[in-house]
C-alpha atoms as a PDB file:
ATOM      1  CA  MET A   1     178.983 106.607  56.693  1.00  0.00           C
ATOM      2  CA  LEU A   2     179.111 109.504  54.107  1.00  0.00           C
ATOM      3  CA  LYS A   3     175.643 110.468  52.972  1.00  0.00           C
ATOM      4  CA  GLU A   4     174.963 112.755  50.065  1.00  0.00           C
ATOM      5  CA  THR A   5     171.876 115.224  50.615  1.00  0.00           C
ATOM      6  CA  GLU A   6     170.456 117.467  47.821  1.00  0.00           C
ATOM      7  CA  THR A   7     173.004 120.109  48.623  1.00  0.00           C
ATOM      8  CA  LEU A   8     176.068 118.650  50.771  1.00  0.00           C
ATOM      9  CA  SER A   9     177.837 115.549  52.190  1.00  0.00           C
ATOM     10  CA  VAL A  10     177.345 114.675  55.854  1.00  0.00           C
ATOM     11  CA  VAL A  11     178.387 111.921  57.956  1.00  0.00           C
ATOM     12  CA  THR A  12     175.565 109.452  59.534  1.00  0.00           C
ATOM     13  CA  PHE A  13     175.745 106.606  61.703  1.00  0.00           C
ATOM     14  CA  SER A  14     173.929 103.398  61.424  1.00  0.00           C
ATOM     15  CA  ILE A  15     173.785 102.537  64.957  1.00  0.00           C
ATOM     16  CA  PHE A  16     171.206 105.079  65.382  1.00  0.00           C
ATOM     17  CA  ASP A  17     168.941 103.732  62.802  1.00  0.00           C
ATOM     18  CA  ALA A  18     167.177 101.856  65.430  1.00  0.00           C
ATOM     19  CA  VAL A  19     165.870 104.700  66.953  1.00  0.00           C
ATOM     20  CA  PRO A  20     163.904 106.815  64.255  1.00  0.00           C
ATOM     21  CA  ALA A  21     163.152 109.438  66.801  1.00  0.00           C
ATOM     22  CA  VAL A  22     166.999 110.689  66.927  1.00  0.00           C
ATOM     23  CA  THR A  23     168.916 112.473  64.127  1.00  0.00           C
ATOM     24  CA  ALA A  24     172.563 112.509  64.453  1.00  0.00           C
ATOM     25  CA  ALA A  25     175.207 113.681  62.136  1.00  0.00           C
ATOM     26  CA  VAL A  26     178.463 115.404  61.504  1.00  0.00           C
ATOM     27  CA  SER A  27     179.163 117.882  58.753  1.00  0.00           C
ATOM     28  CA  THR A  28     181.808 117.837  56.303  1.00  0.00           C
ATOM     29  CA  ARG A  29     183.733 121.106  54.917  1.00  0.00           C
ATOM     30  CA  THR A  30     181.954 121.100  51.524  1.00  0.00           C
ATOM     31  CA  GLY A  31     178.760 122.699  50.235  1.00  0.00           C
ATOM     32  CA  GLY A  32     179.252 126.044  51.999  1.00  0.00           C
ATOM     33  CA  VAL A  33     179.717 129.691  51.162  1.00  0.00           C
ATOM     34  CA  SER A  34     182.917 130.507  53.396  1.00  0.00           C
ATOM     35  CA  THR A  35     186.175 131.226  51.420  1.00  0.00           C
ATOM     36  CA  GLY A  36     189.790 130.736  51.740  1.00  0.00           C
ATOM     37  CA  VAL A  37     191.145 128.625  54.613  1.00  0.00           C
ATOM     38  CA  PHE A  38     187.598 128.422  55.831  1.00  0.00           C
ATOM     39  CA  SER A  39     186.283 126.988  52.721  1.00  0.00           C
ATOM     40  CA  SER A  40     183.681 126.031  52.382  1.00  0.00           C
ATOM     41  CA  LEU A  41     181.221 125.075  55.168  1.00  0.00           C
ATOM     42  CA  ASN A  42     182.911 126.367  58.482  1.00  0.00           C
ATOM     43  CA  MET A  43     180.533 126.179  61.081  1.00  0.00           C
ATOM     44  CA  SER A  44     182.423 127.905  63.839  1.00  0.00           C
ATOM     45  CA  PHE A  45     182.126 131.708  64.678  1.00  0.00           C
ATOM     46  CA  ALA A  46     185.440 131.349  66.815  1.00  0.00           C
ATOM     47  CA  SER A  47     187.599 130.610  63.894  1.00  0.00           C
ATOM     48  CA  GLY A  48     187.805 134.079  62.436  1.00  0.00           C
ATOM     49  CA  ASP A  49     185.587 133.603  59.705  1.00  0.00           C
ATOM     50  CA  ASP A  50     182.670 136.028  58.421  1.00  0.00           C
ATOM     51  CA  PRO A  51     179.829 135.558  60.925  1.00  0.00           C
ATOM     52  CA  ALA A  52     177.358 135.814  57.981  1.00  0.00           C
ATOM     53  CA  ALA A  53     178.990 133.069  56.186  1.00  0.00           C
ATOM     54  CA  VAL A  54     178.741 130.594  59.287  1.00  0.00           C
ATOM     55  CA  ARG A  55     175.128 131.371  59.733  1.00  0.00           C
ATOM     56  CA  GLU A  56     174.538 130.467  56.146  1.00  0.00           C
ATOM     57  CA  ASN A  57     176.477 127.368  56.425  1.00  0.00           C
ATOM     58  CA  ARG A  58     174.795 126.368  59.584  1.00  0.00           C
ATOM     59  CA  ARG A  59     171.441 126.875  57.745  1.00  0.00           C
ATOM     60  CA  ARG A  60     172.525 124.620  54.991  1.00  0.00           C
ATOM     61  CA  PHE A  61     173.635 121.805  57.237  1.00  0.00           C
ATOM     62  CA  LEU A  62     170.960 121.915  59.756  1.00  0.00           C
ATOM     63  CA  SER A  63     168.238 122.504  57.301  1.00  0.00           C
ATOM     64  CA  ALA A  64     169.353 119.240  55.415  1.00  0.00           C
ATOM     65  CA  LEU A  65     168.841 117.483  58.482  1.00  0.00           C
ATOM     66  CA  LYS A  66     165.315 119.138  59.081  1.00  0.00           C
ATOM     67  CA  ILE A  67     166.515 121.102  62.214  1.00  0.00           C
ATOM     68  CA  ASP A  68     165.842 124.826  62.752  1.00  0.00           C
ATOM     69  CA  PRO A  69     169.431 126.459  62.867  1.00  0.00           C
ATOM     70  CA  ALA A  70     168.147 129.129  65.172  1.00  0.00           C
ATOM     71  CA  GLN A  71     167.286 126.298  68.032  1.00  0.00           C
ATOM     72  CA  ILE A  72     170.638 124.562  68.303  1.00  0.00           C
ATOM     73  CA  VAL A  73     172.479 124.672  71.750  1.00  0.00           C
ATOM     74  CA  CYS A  74     176.245 125.658  71.347  1.00  0.00           C
ATOM     75  CA  CYS A  75     178.903 125.938  73.779  1.00  0.00           C
ATOM     76  CA  ASN A  76     182.528 127.581  73.967  1.00  0.00           C
ATOM     77  CA  GLN A  77     184.566 124.391  74.405  1.00  0.00           C
ATOM     78  CA  VAL A  78     187.880 124.500  76.277  1.00  0.00           C
ATOM     79  CA  HIS A  79     189.127 120.911  76.221  1.00  0.00           C
ATOM     80  CA  GLY A  80     187.863 120.026  79.581  1.00  0.00           C
ATOM     81  CA  ILE A  81     185.334 117.391  80.894  1.00  0.00           C
ATOM     82  CA  HIS A  82     182.592 119.657  82.205  1.00  0.00           C
ATOM     83  CA  VAL A  83     179.194 118.239  81.082  1.00  0.00           C
ATOM     84  CA  VAL A  84     175.940 120.583  81.146  1.00  0.00           C
ATOM     85  CA  ARG A  85     172.307 119.465  81.213  1.00  0.00           C
ATOM     86  CA  ALA A  86     170.482 121.327  78.474  1.00  0.00           C
ATOM     87  CA  GLY A  87     166.700 121.802  77.958  1.00  0.00           C
ATOM     88  CA  GLN A  88     164.045 123.837  76.003  1.00  0.00           C
ATOM     89  CA  ALA A  89     165.335 127.077  77.777  1.00  0.00           C
ATOM     90  CA  ASP A  90     168.692 126.622  76.204  1.00  0.00           C
ATOM     91  CA  ARG A  91     167.702 126.417  72.529  1.00  0.00           C
ATOM     92  CA  GLY A  92     169.109 129.190  70.450  1.00  0.00           C
ATOM     93  CA  ARG A  93     172.279 129.741  72.661  1.00  0.00           C
ATOM     94  CA  GLY A  94     175.237 130.542  70.365  1.00  0.00           C
ATOM     95  CA  ALA A  95     172.984 129.483  67.244  1.00  0.00           C
ATOM     96  CA  LEU A  96     173.335 132.805  65.291  1.00  0.00           C
ATOM     97  CA  VAL A  97     176.181 134.645  67.219  1.00  0.00           C
ATOM     98  CA  ARG A  98     178.918 133.341  69.312  1.00  0.00           C
ATOM     99  CA  ASP A  99     177.808 135.487  72.443  1.00  0.00           C
ATOM    100  CA  GLY A 100     175.225 133.366  74.482  1.00  0.00           C
ATOM    101  CA  ALA A 101     176.900 129.914  74.066  1.00  0.00           C
ATOM    102  CA  ILE A 102     177.052 127.778  77.045  1.00  0.00           C
ATOM    103  CA  PRO A 103     180.564 128.842  78.453  1.00  0.00           C
ATOM    104  CA  ASP A 104     183.333 126.382  79.389  1.00  0.00           C
ATOM    105  CA  CYS A 105     181.732 123.415  78.433  1.00  0.00           C
ATOM    106  CA  ASP A 106     182.794 120.154  76.566  1.00  0.00           C
ATOM    107  CA  GLY A 107     179.813 118.008  77.059  1.00  0.00           C
ATOM    108  CA  LEU A 108     176.160 118.377  76.527  1.00  0.00           C
ATOM    109  CA  MET A 109     172.997 116.310  77.449  1.00  0.00           C
ATOM    110  CA  THR A 110     169.351 116.227  77.535  1.00  0.00           C
ATOM    111  CA  ASP A 111     166.207 114.254  77.820  1.00  0.00           C
ATOM    112  CA  GLU A 112     164.106 116.671  76.308  1.00  0.00           C
ATOM    113  CA  ALA A 113     162.682 116.557  72.635  1.00  0.00           C
ATOM    114  CA  GLY A 114     163.591 119.168  70.084  1.00  0.00           C
ATOM    115  CA  VAL A 115     166.753 120.385  71.734  1.00  0.00           C
ATOM    116  CA  PRO A 116     169.459 119.941  69.184  1.00  0.00           C
ATOM    117  CA  LEU A 117     173.086 119.577  71.051  1.00  0.00           C
ATOM    118  CA  THR A 118     176.155 120.710  69.105  1.00  0.00           C
ATOM    119  CA  MET A 119     179.680 120.705  69.104  1.00  0.00           C
ATOM    120  CA  ASN A 120     182.513 121.749  66.780  1.00  0.00           C
ATOM    121  CA  PHE A 121     185.532 119.842  65.806  1.00  0.00           C
ATOM    122  CA  ALA A 122     188.813 120.100  63.749  1.00  0.00           C
ATOM    123  CA  ASP A 123     190.765 116.686  64.630  1.00  0.00           C
ATOM    124  CA  CYS A 124     189.376 116.054  68.038  1.00  0.00           C
ATOM    125  CA  THR A 125     186.918 113.206  68.586  1.00  0.00           C
ATOM    126  CA  PRO A 126     183.034 113.676  68.338  1.00  0.00           C
ATOM    127  CA  LEU A 127     181.239 111.470  70.771  1.00  0.00           C
ATOM    128  CA  LEU A 128     177.550 111.232  70.289  1.00  0.00           C
ATOM    129  CA  PHE A 129     175.306 109.065  72.582  1.00  0.00           C
ATOM    130  CA  CYS A 130     171.673 107.930  72.636  1.00  0.00           C
ATOM    131  CA  ASP A 131     169.757 106.215  75.516  1.00  0.00           C
ATOM    132  CA  PRO A 132     166.731 104.771  73.796  1.00  0.00           C
ATOM    133  CA  VAL A 133     165.281 103.532  77.051  1.00  0.00           C
ATOM    134  CA  HIS A 134     165.071 106.997  78.852  1.00  0.00           C
ATOM    135  CA  HIS A 135     164.965 109.128  75.667  1.00  0.00           C
ATOM    136  CA  ALA A 136     168.077 110.673  76.352  1.00  0.00           C
ATOM    137  CA  VAL A 137     171.013 112.003  73.966  1.00  0.00           C
ATOM    138  CA  ALA A 138     174.296 113.727  74.523  1.00  0.00           C
ATOM    139  CA  VAL A 139     177.548 115.000  72.466  1.00  0.00           C
ATOM    140  CA  ALA A 140     180.977 115.418  73.867  1.00  0.00           C
ATOM    141  CA  HIS A 141     184.225 117.009  72.580  1.00  0.00           C
ATOM    142  CA  GLY A 142     187.185 114.282  72.869  1.00  0.00           C
ATOM    143  CA  GLY A 143     190.317 116.114  72.311  1.00  0.00           C
ATOM    144  CA  TRP A 144     193.391 114.294  73.836  1.00  0.00           C
ATOM    145  CA  ARG A 145     192.964 116.118  77.144  1.00  0.00           C
ATOM    146  CA  GLY A 146     189.306 115.425  77.382  1.00  0.00           C
ATOM    147  CA  THR A 147     189.903 111.903  76.533  1.00  0.00           C
ATOM    148  CA  ALA A 148     192.405 111.579  79.157  1.00  0.00           C
ATOM    149  CA  GLY A 149     189.891 112.878  81.451  1.00  0.00           C
ATOM    150  CA  ASN A 150     187.545 110.100  80.328  1.00  0.00           C
ATOM    151  CA  ILE A 151     184.908 112.673  79.301  1.00  0.00           C
ATOM    152  CA  GLY A 152     182.666 109.565  77.769  1.00  0.00           C
ATOM    153  CA  ALA A 153     182.547 108.032  81.206  1.00  0.00           C
ATOM    154  CA  VAL A 154     181.926 111.514  82.659  1.00  0.00           C
ATOM    155  CA  VAL A 155     178.888 111.681  80.270  1.00  0.00           C
ATOM    156  CA  LEU A 156     177.538 108.237  81.316  1.00  0.00           C
ATOM    157  CA  ARG A 157     177.826 108.947  84.729  1.00  0.00           C
ATOM    158  CA  GLN A 158     175.876 112.168  84.467  1.00  0.00           C
ATOM    159  CA  MET A 159     173.280 110.540  82.358  1.00  0.00           C
ATOM    160  CA  LYS A 160     172.985 107.926  84.797  1.00  0.00           C
ATOM    161  CA  ASP A 161     172.419 110.262  87.705  1.00  0.00           C
ATOM    162  CA  ALA A 162     169.945 112.655  85.782  1.00  0.00           C
ATOM    163  CA  TYR A 163     168.045 110.054  83.558  1.00  0.00           C
ATOM    164  CA  GLY A 164     168.622 106.557  85.282  1.00  0.00           C
ATOM    165  CA  THR A 165     170.789 105.667  82.153  1.00  0.00           C
ATOM    166  CA  ASP A 166     172.184 102.169  82.011  1.00  0.00           C
ATOM    167  CA  PRO A 167     175.342 102.384  79.965  1.00  0.00           C
ATOM    168  CA  ALA A 168     174.500  98.992  78.480  1.00  0.00           C
ATOM    169  CA  ASP A 169     171.565 100.414  76.627  1.00  0.00           C
ATOM    170  CA  VAL A 170     173.376 103.071  75.285  1.00  0.00           C
ATOM    171  CA  LEU A 171     174.123 103.597  71.563  1.00  0.00           C
ATOM    172  CA  ALA A 172     177.273 105.439  70.842  1.00  0.00           C
ATOM    173  CA  ALA A 173     179.214 106.929  67.890  1.00  0.00           C
ATOM    174  CA  VAL A 174     183.006 108.071  67.438  1.00  0.00           C
ATOM    175  CA  GLY A 175     182.929 110.660  64.635  1.00  0.00           C
ATOM    176  CA  PRO A 176     185.701 111.770  62.201  1.00  0.00           C
ATOM    177  CA  ALA A 177     188.905 112.659  64.089  1.00  0.00           C
ATOM    178  CA  ILE A 178     192.733 112.430  63.594  1.00  0.00           C
ATOM    179  CA  GLY A 179     193.769 109.169  62.791  1.00  0.00           C
ATOM    180  CA  SER A 180     196.864 107.256  64.611  1.00  0.00           C
ATOM    181  CA  ALA A 181     199.182 107.642  61.757  1.00  0.00           C
ATOM    182  CA  ALA A 182     198.932 111.401  61.872  1.00  0.00           C
ATOM    183  CA  PHE A 183     198.392 112.036  65.494  1.00  0.00           C
ATOM    184  CA  GLU A 184     202.216 112.351  66.766  1.00  0.00           C
ATOM    185  CA  VAL A 185     202.408 113.234  70.444  1.00  0.00           C
ATOM    186  CA  GLY A 186     205.149 113.454  73.114  1.00  0.00           C
ATOM    187  CA  GLN A 187     205.825 111.224  76.356  1.00  0.00           C
ATOM    188  CA  ASP A 188     203.483 113.811  78.414  1.00  0.00           C
ATOM    189  CA  VAL A 189     200.499 112.526  76.508  1.00  0.00           C
ATOM    190  CA  ILE A 190     201.365 108.947  76.846  1.00  0.00           C
ATOM    191  CA  ASP A 191     201.900 109.490  80.629  1.00  0.00           C
ATOM    192  CA  ALA A 192     198.356 111.034  80.828  1.00  0.00           C
ATOM    193  CA  PHE A 193     196.759 108.051  79.117  1.00  0.00           C
ATOM    194  CA  SER A 194     198.729 105.410  80.773  1.00  0.00           C
ATOM    195  CA  PRO A 195     196.805 105.201  84.040  1.00  0.00           C
ATOM    196  CA  LEU A 196     193.814 104.543  81.959  1.00  0.00           C
ATOM    197  CA  PHE A 197     194.678 101.425  79.908  1.00  0.00           C
ATOM    198  CA  SER A 198     196.400  98.125  80.438  1.00  0.00           C
ATOM    199  CA  PRO A 199     200.073  97.708  79.050  1.00  0.00           C
ATOM    200  CA  VAL A 200     198.522  95.662  76.327  1.00  0.00           C
ATOM    201  CA  GLU A 201     196.038  98.122  75.433  1.00  0.00           C
ATOM    202  CA  MET A 202     198.654 100.940  75.460  1.00  0.00           C
ATOM    203  CA  GLU A 203     200.749  98.857  72.906  1.00  0.00           C
ATOM    204  CA  GLU A 204     197.980  98.917  70.652  1.00  0.00           C
ATOM    205  CA  LEU A 205     197.190 102.617  71.043  1.00  0.00           C
ATOM    206  CA  ALA A 206     200.656 104.077  71.194  1.00  0.00           C
ATOM    207  CA  ARG A 207     203.462 103.367  68.703  1.00  0.00           C
ATOM    208  CA  PRO A 208     207.053 104.828  69.062  1.00  0.00           C
ATOM    209  CA  THR A 209     208.339 106.851  66.078  1.00  0.00           C
ATOM    210  CA  LYS A 210     211.862 107.106  65.003  1.00  0.00           C
ATOM    211  CA  ALA A 211     211.656 110.610  66.016  1.00  0.00           C
ATOM    212  CA  GLY A 212     211.810 109.703  69.660  1.00  0.00           C
ATOM    213  CA  LYS A 213     207.932 110.514  69.979  1.00  0.00           C
ATOM    214  CA  TYR A 214     204.758 108.328  69.483  1.00  0.00           C
ATOM    215  CA  VAL A 215     201.939 108.084  67.241  1.00  0.00           C
ATOM    216  CA  PHE A 216     198.588 107.690  69.311  1.00  0.00           C
ATOM    217  CA  ASP A 217     195.078 106.238  68.106  1.00  0.00           C
ATOM    218  CA  LEU A 218     192.646 108.736  69.816  1.00  0.00           C
ATOM    219  CA  PRO A 219     189.240 107.377  68.307  1.00  0.00           C
ATOM    220  CA  LYS A 220     190.286 103.991  69.405  1.00  0.00           C
ATOM    221  CA  ALA A 221     191.295 105.255  72.883  1.00  0.00           C
ATOM    222  CA  ASN A 222     187.805 106.503  73.077  1.00  0.00           C
ATOM    223  CA  ARG A 223     186.096 103.366  71.925  1.00  0.00           C
ATOM    224  CA  PHE A 224     187.911 101.483  74.503  1.00  0.00           C
ATOM    225  CA  LEU A 225     186.863 103.880  77.405  1.00  0.00           C
ATOM    226  CA  LEU A 226     183.389 103.757  76.277  1.00  0.00           C
ATOM    227  CA  MET A 227     183.272 100.095  76.742  1.00  0.00           C
ATOM    228  CA  GLN A 228     185.167 100.222  80.009  1.00  0.00           C
ATOM    229  CA  ALA A 229     182.326 102.633  81.099  1.00  0.00           C
ATOM    230  CA  GLY A 230     179.876  99.806  80.242  1.00  0.00           C
ATOM    231  CA  ILE A 231     178.473 100.332  76.760  1.00  0.00           C
ATOM    232  CA  ARG A 232     178.490  97.205  74.599  1.00  0.00           C
ATOM    233  CA  ARG A 233     181.238  96.634  71.914  1.00  0.00           C
ATOM    234  CA  ASP A 234     178.457  96.083  69.405  1.00  0.00           C
ATOM    235  CA  HIS A 235     176.846  99.430  70.416  1.00  0.00           C
ATOM    236  CA  VAL A 236     179.861 101.773  69.539  1.00  0.00           C
ATOM    237  CA  GLU A 237     180.307 102.481  65.810  1.00  0.00           C
ATOM    238  CA  ASP A 238     183.484 104.353  64.574  1.00  0.00           C
ATOM    239  CA  ALA A 239     183.091 106.540  61.719  1.00  0.00           C
ATOM    240  CA  SER A 240     186.867 105.401  60.823  1.00  0.00           C
ATOM    241  CA  LEU A 241     187.595 108.763  58.925  1.00  0.00           C
ATOM    242  CA  CYS A 242     190.747 110.537  59.505  1.00  0.00           C
ATOM    243  CA  THR A 243     190.458 114.538  59.419  1.00  0.00           C
ATOM    244  CA  TYR A 244     194.031 115.161  58.996  1.00  0.00           C
ATOM    245  CA  THR A 245     194.288 112.895  55.850  1.00  0.00           C
ATOM    246  CA  ARG A 246     190.687 113.643  54.511  1.00  0.00           C
ATOM    247  CA  ASP A 247     191.420 117.539  54.806  1.00  0.00           C
ATOM    248  CA  ASP A 248     189.371 117.628  51.237  1.00  0.00           C
ATOM    249  CA  LEU A 249     186.313 116.587  53.576  1.00  0.00           C
ATOM    250  CA  PHE A 250     186.991 117.720  57.001  1.00  0.00           C
ATOM    251  CA  PHE A 251     188.904 120.848  58.725  1.00  0.00           C
ATOM    252  CA  SER A 252     192.164 119.626  60.440  1.00  0.00           C
ATOM    253  CA  TYR A 253     193.850 121.959  62.910  1.00  0.00           C
ATOM    254  CA  ARG A 254     196.870 120.227  63.134  1.00  0.00           C
ATOM    255  CA  LYS A 255     197.628 120.296  59.327  1.00  0.00           C
ATOM    256  CA  ALA A 256     196.379 124.037  59.235  1.00  0.00           C
ATOM    257  CA  SER A 257     198.517 124.825  61.991  1.00  0.00           C
ATOM    258  CA  ARG A 258     201.592 123.261  60.527  1.00  0.00           C
ATOM    259  CA  GLN A 259     201.261 125.308  57.270  1.00  0.00           C
ATOM    260  CA  GLY A 260     200.939 128.557  59.448  1.00  0.00           C
ATOM    261  CA  GLN A 261     196.978 128.860  58.584  1.00  0.00           C
ATOM    262  CA  LYS A 262     193.778 128.973  60.481  1.00  0.00           C
ATOM    263  CA  THR A 263     190.976 126.611  59.853  1.00  0.00           C
ATOM    264  CA  GLY A 264     187.453 126.241  60.217  1.00  0.00           C
ATOM    265  CA  ARG A 265     185.473 123.565  62.198  1.00  0.00           C
ATOM    266  CA  HIS A 266     182.987 120.847  61.248  1.00  0.00           C
ATOM    267  CA  MET A 267     179.913 120.390  63.452  1.00  0.00           C
ATOM    268  CA  ALA A 268     178.539 117.109  65.302  1.00  0.00           C
ATOM    269  CA  VAL A 269     174.497 117.436  66.118  1.00  0.00           C
ATOM    270  CA  ILE A 270     172.303 115.181  67.900  1.00  0.00           C
ATOM    271  CA  VAL A 271     168.596 115.652  68.737  1.00  0.00           C
ATOM    272  CA  TRP A 272     165.550 113.682  70.011  1.00  0.00           C
ATOM    273  CA  ASN A 273     162.982 114.918  67.540  1.00  0.00           C
ATOM    274  CA  GLU A 274     159.921 116.889  68.940  1.00  0.00           C
ATOM    275  CA  GLY A 275     156.870 114.913  68.095  1.00  0.00           C
ATOM    276  CA  SER A 276     158.530 111.678  69.081  1.00  0.00           C
ATOM    277  CA  GLU A 277     157.516 109.900  72.491  1.00  0.00           C
ATOM    278  CA  VAL A 278     159.183 111.792  75.379  1.00  0.00           C
ATOM    279  CA  HIS A 279     160.370 110.293  78.421  1.00  0.00           C
ATOM    280  CA  GLY A 280     158.351 111.328  81.603  1.00  0.00           C
END
């Protein structure tokens, strides 16, 4: 849901309300200082924006959530399925400059309090996880390649191995992403997803177009995969916000590319707050 703070709008998730120790949100593109194609709350150093503007944008968004912007954990995303276990020693990596971010990573998880995990998006699907039993949280980057690699299930397996997480206990959120009407793909993408779903599910996810391509529902595919991995249906919340059609609120890489432009990124963040009871 869209929530107004004193200075900007953020997307929050009611699924996490039952765990007061957790703060989880996705930024919008409004309320920042960036200009031009990055207007205005661009959160990415990799986009080509002025780094000073990105730092101020991050300060505004994270401060509104009572998160120290100098302590966030960032990574260089590569559309893969590599998940990294982060901890106190990783706080600040990539926070104020791009150098130092965790390399080649599309998933972060932790069971340590006060370790804010972040990732940036502009059409790909943000996936946020909370295990309230073992006090662990995670965030993942669900682009089509990561989703076809079932990154959500990878995160859950690694949380089980590291923390003893039972997927049935996990609360999950699917953040703003490109919607099915706007995500046109070729046969190669359909072929990548077909092994993951039944024919009935594929009919629900992919619809042929008159141009000989398909439109594909990436957020729904992630929901299906999270439930396949053991998360209860009523434990998954979808923001149901399309970044392509709502480019007034979010950055859309696909729309910008079609216009021959660069674009910014919005940020997902999740943290088990310091001062809360910590596992182990």
